[in-house]
Amino acid sequence: MSADEYSTRALQSSNLDSALIARGVTTNPKLRNLYDYGAALGGPIMRDKLWFFTSGRSWGTQSDVAGLYFQQTPGHLVLPRRI
């Protein structure tokens, strides 16, 4: 028995409105990867007395943050602009 979950950017909605654009936000956060995989295994060792059971799970997510860019001048401190 296993359960799998997965999502993509196509299933993501947007809340970018004129108020956010006026505050300097130009894009939405974007989902890169979302996954959750699980599996379980079990069975009898001694009939009606002793059983074994084990399970495993792997999950994770990656997202792009809106308004975050690579620094053009590495090694120099750049403070974020207050909105």
N, C-alpha and C. Protein backbone atom coordinates (compact mmCIF):
# COMPACT_ATOMS: atom_id res chain seq x y z
N MET A 1 0.84 -1.17 0.00
CA MET A 1 0.00 0.00 0.00
C MET A 1 0.89 1.24 0.00
N SER A 2 0.57 2.22 -0.82
CA SER A 2 1.35 3.46 -0.84
C SER A 2 0.44 4.63 -1.13
N ALA A 3 0.89 5.80 -0.74
CA ALA A 3 0.15 7.04 -1.01
C ALA A 3 1.12 8.03 -1.63
N ASP A 4 0.76 8.61 -2.74
CA ASP A 4 1.63 9.56 -3.43
C ASP A 4 0.88 10.88 -3.62
N GLU A 5 1.60 11.97 -3.46
CA GLU A 5 1.05 13.30 -3.71
C GLU A 5 2.04 14.06 -4.57
N TYR A 6 1.51 14.93 -5.42
CA TYR A 6 2.36 15.69 -6.33
C TYR A 6 1.60 16.94 -6.76
N SER A 7 2.30 18.01 -7.03
CA SER A 7 1.66 19.23 -7.53
C SER A 7 2.62 19.95 -8.47
N THR A 8 2.08 20.86 -9.28
CA THR A 8 2.87 21.64 -10.21
C THR A 8 2.41 23.09 -10.18
N ARG A 9 3.10 23.95 -10.92
CA ARG A 9 2.71 25.36 -11.02
C ARG A 9 1.34 25.54 -11.64
N ALA A 10 0.93 24.59 -12.49
CA ALA A 10 -0.36 24.69 -13.17
C ALA A 10 -1.52 24.65 -12.18
N LEU A 11 -1.32 24.09 -11.00
CA LEU A 11 -2.37 23.99 -10.00
C LEU A 11 -2.30 25.12 -8.97
N GLN A 12 -1.44 26.11 -9.19
CA GLN A 12 -1.24 27.20 -8.25
C GLN A 12 -2.04 28.42 -8.68
N SER A 13 -2.67 29.10 -7.72
CA SER A 13 -3.45 30.29 -8.04
C SER A 13 -2.61 31.56 -7.80
N SER A 14 -3.18 32.70 -8.12
CA SER A 14 -2.48 33.98 -8.00
C SER A 14 -3.32 34.94 -7.18
N ASN A 15 -2.68 35.70 -6.28
CA ASN A 15 -3.38 36.75 -5.54
C ASN A 15 -2.76 38.12 -5.82
N LEU A 16 -2.05 38.25 -6.92
CA LEU A 16 -1.40 39.50 -7.28
C LEU A 16 -2.46 40.50 -7.73
N ASP A 17 -2.68 41.54 -6.92
CA ASP A 17 -3.68 42.55 -7.27
C ASP A 17 -3.02 43.93 -7.33
N SER A 18 -3.81 44.94 -7.61
CA SER A 18 -3.25 46.29 -7.79
C SER A 18 -2.61 46.82 -6.51
N ALA A 19 -3.10 46.43 -5.35
CA ALA A 19 -2.51 46.89 -4.08
C ALA A 19 -1.09 46.33 -3.91
N LEU A 20 -0.89 45.07 -4.26
CA LEU A 20 0.45 44.49 -4.17
C LEU A 20 1.38 45.08 -5.22
N ILE A 21 0.87 45.30 -6.41
CA ILE A 21 1.69 45.91 -7.47
C ILE A 21 2.12 47.31 -7.06
N ALA A 22 1.24 48.06 -6.40
CA ALA A 22 1.58 49.41 -5.93
C ALA A 22 2.67 49.38 -4.86
N ARG A 23 2.79 48.27 -4.15
CA ARG A 23 3.83 48.12 -3.12
C ARG A 23 5.13 47.57 -3.68
N GLY A 24 5.18 47.32 -5.00
CA GLY A 24 6.42 46.90 -5.63
C GLY A 24 6.52 45.41 -5.92
N VAL A 25 5.49 44.64 -5.62
CA VAL A 25 5.52 43.21 -5.91
C VAL A 25 5.13 43.02 -7.37
N THR A 26 5.96 42.33 -8.13
CA THR A 26 5.69 42.18 -9.56
C THR A 26 5.33 40.75 -9.97
N THR A 27 5.67 39.77 -9.13
CA THR A 27 5.38 38.37 -9.45
C THR A 27 4.88 37.64 -8.21
N ASN A 28 4.27 36.50 -8.43
CA ASN A 28 3.84 35.62 -7.35
C ASN A 28 4.95 34.65 -7.00
N PRO A 29 4.94 34.14 -5.77
CA PRO A 29 5.83 33.01 -5.48
C PRO A 29 5.42 31.84 -6.38
N LYS A 30 6.39 31.08 -6.87
CA LYS A 30 6.09 29.99 -7.79
C LYS A 30 6.58 28.67 -7.20
N LEU A 31 5.73 27.68 -7.30
CA LEU A 31 6.06 26.34 -6.85
C LEU A 31 6.97 25.67 -7.86
N ARG A 32 8.08 25.13 -7.41
CA ARG A 32 8.97 24.37 -8.29
C ARG A 32 8.67 22.88 -8.20
N ASN A 33 8.57 22.38 -6.97
CA ASN A 33 8.43 20.95 -6.79
C ASN A 33 7.77 20.69 -5.44
N LEU A 34 6.81 19.79 -5.39
CA LEU A 34 6.17 19.37 -4.16
C LEU A 34 5.93 17.87 -4.27
N TYR A 35 6.44 17.12 -3.30
CA TYR A 35 6.23 15.68 -3.36
C TYR A 35 6.09 15.10 -1.96
N ASP A 36 5.38 14.00 -1.88
CA ASP A 36 5.18 13.26 -0.65
C ASP A 36 4.92 11.81 -1.03
N TYR A 37 5.89 10.96 -0.80
CA TYR A 37 5.78 9.54 -1.14
C TYR A 37 5.90 8.72 0.14
N GLY A 38 5.08 7.71 0.24
CA GLY A 38 5.14 6.84 1.40
C GLY A 38 4.87 5.40 1.00
N ALA A 39 5.43 4.46 1.75
CA ALA A 39 5.20 3.04 1.49
C ALA A 39 5.24 2.30 2.82
N ALA A 40 4.52 1.20 2.89
CA ALA A 40 4.48 0.39 4.10
C ALA A 40 4.51 -1.09 3.72
N LEU A 41 5.08 -1.89 4.62
CA LEU A 41 5.19 -3.32 4.38
C LEU A 41 5.02 -4.03 5.72
N GLY A 42 4.27 -5.12 5.73
CA GLY A 42 4.07 -5.86 6.96
C GLY A 42 3.61 -7.27 6.67
N GLY A 43 3.71 -8.13 7.66
CA GLY A 43 3.27 -9.51 7.50
C GLY A 43 3.57 -10.34 8.73
N PRO A 44 3.06 -11.56 8.76
CA PRO A 44 3.25 -12.41 9.93
C PRO A 44 4.65 -13.05 9.96
N ILE A 45 5.20 -13.14 11.16
CA ILE A 45 6.44 -13.89 11.37
C ILE A 45 6.07 -15.25 11.98
N MET A 46 5.22 -15.21 13.02
CA MET A 46 4.66 -16.44 13.61
C MET A 46 3.14 -16.31 13.54
N ARG A 47 2.49 -17.30 13.01
CA ARG A 47 1.05 -17.24 12.78
C ARG A 47 0.28 -16.90 14.07
N ASP A 48 -0.54 -15.83 13.98
CA ASP A 48 -1.40 -15.34 15.06
C ASP A 48 -0.63 -14.93 16.32
N LYS A 49 0.66 -14.73 16.24
CA LYS A 49 1.44 -14.34 17.42
C LYS A 49 2.33 -13.13 17.19
N LEU A 50 3.10 -13.13 16.12
CA LEU A 50 4.11 -12.09 15.92
C LEU A 50 4.07 -11.60 14.48
N TRP A 51 3.98 -10.31 14.34
CA TRP A 51 3.94 -9.67 13.03
C TRP A 51 5.06 -8.65 12.93
N PHE A 52 5.41 -8.29 11.71
CA PHE A 52 6.35 -7.18 11.52
C PHE A 52 5.65 -6.12 10.68
N PHE A 53 6.11 -4.88 10.87
CA PHE A 53 5.57 -3.76 10.10
C PHE A 53 6.66 -2.72 9.98
N THR A 54 6.83 -2.18 8.80
CA THR A 54 7.77 -1.09 8.57
C THR A 54 7.18 -0.13 7.54
N SER A 55 7.58 1.12 7.65
CA SER A 55 7.10 2.10 6.68
C SER A 55 8.18 3.14 6.45
N GLY A 56 8.07 3.83 5.34
CA GLY A 56 9.02 4.89 5.01
C GLY A 56 8.30 6.04 4.34
N ARG A 57 8.88 7.21 4.43
CA ARG A 57 8.27 8.40 3.84
C ARG A 57 9.36 9.33 3.36
N SER A 58 9.13 9.92 2.21
CA SER A 58 10.01 10.94 1.66
C SER A 58 9.15 12.09 1.19
N TRP A 59 9.46 13.31 1.64
CA TRP A 59 8.67 14.47 1.23
C TRP A 59 9.56 15.69 1.13
N GLY A 60 9.10 16.67 0.37
CA GLY A 60 9.85 17.91 0.23
C GLY A 60 9.14 18.89 -0.68
N THR A 61 9.65 20.11 -0.70
CA THR A 61 9.09 21.16 -1.53
C THR A 61 10.18 22.15 -1.88
N GLN A 62 10.05 22.77 -3.04
CA GLN A 62 10.93 23.85 -3.48
C GLN A 62 10.06 24.94 -4.09
N SER A 63 10.34 26.20 -3.74
CA SER A 63 9.57 27.32 -4.25
C SER A 63 10.49 28.47 -4.65
N ASP A 64 10.05 29.25 -5.63
CA ASP A 64 10.71 30.51 -5.97
C ASP A 64 10.03 31.61 -5.16
N VAL A 65 10.81 32.50 -4.55
CA VAL A 65 10.27 33.59 -3.76
C VAL A 65 10.12 34.82 -4.64
N ALA A 66 8.96 35.47 -4.58
CA ALA A 66 8.70 36.66 -5.39
C ALA A 66 9.62 37.80 -4.94
N GLY A 67 10.21 38.50 -5.88
CA GLY A 67 11.04 39.66 -5.58
C GLY A 67 12.43 39.33 -5.08
N LEU A 68 12.88 38.10 -5.22
CA LEU A 68 14.21 37.69 -4.78
C LEU A 68 15.07 37.43 -6.01
N TYR A 69 16.22 38.10 -6.09
CA TYR A 69 17.07 38.00 -7.27
C TYR A 69 18.50 37.68 -6.85
N PHE A 70 19.27 37.12 -7.77
CA PHE A 70 20.68 36.87 -7.50
C PHE A 70 21.42 38.19 -7.41
N GLN A 71 22.38 38.26 -6.51
CA GLN A 71 23.16 39.48 -6.32
C GLN A 71 24.13 39.66 -7.49
N GLN A 72 24.13 40.85 -8.07
CA GLN A 72 24.98 41.14 -9.22
C GLN A 72 26.44 41.37 -8.82
N THR A 73 26.69 41.80 -7.58
CA THR A 73 28.05 42.06 -7.11
C THR A 73 28.33 41.19 -5.88
N PRO A 74 28.77 39.95 -6.07
CA PRO A 74 29.03 39.06 -4.94
C PRO A 74 30.08 39.67 -4.00
N GLY A 75 29.90 39.45 -2.71
CA GLY A 75 30.85 39.96 -1.72
C GLY A 75 30.45 41.30 -1.14
N HIS A 76 29.46 41.97 -1.70
CA HIS A 76 28.98 43.23 -1.16
C HIS A 76 27.65 43.01 -0.47
N LEU A 77 27.48 43.63 0.70
CA LEU A 77 26.25 43.50 1.46
C LEU A 77 25.16 44.34 0.81
N VAL A 78 24.04 43.71 0.53
CA VAL A 78 22.90 44.41 -0.04
C VAL A 78 21.71 44.18 0.89
N LEU A 79 21.18 45.26 1.45
CA LEU A 79 20.03 45.15 2.34
C LEU A 79 18.75 45.25 1.54
N PRO A 80 17.70 44.51 1.95
CA PRO A 80 16.45 44.56 1.19
C PRO A 80 15.78 45.93 1.33
N ARG A 81 15.07 46.30 0.29
CA ARG A 81 14.34 47.57 0.28
C ARG A 81 13.07 47.39 1.07
N ARG A 82 12.77 48.32 1.96
CA ARG A 82 11.55 48.26 2.77
C ARG A 82 10.37 48.68 1.91
N ILE A 83 9.30 47.90 2.03
CA ILE A 83 8.08 48.19 1.27
C ILE A 83 7.05 48.79 2.18
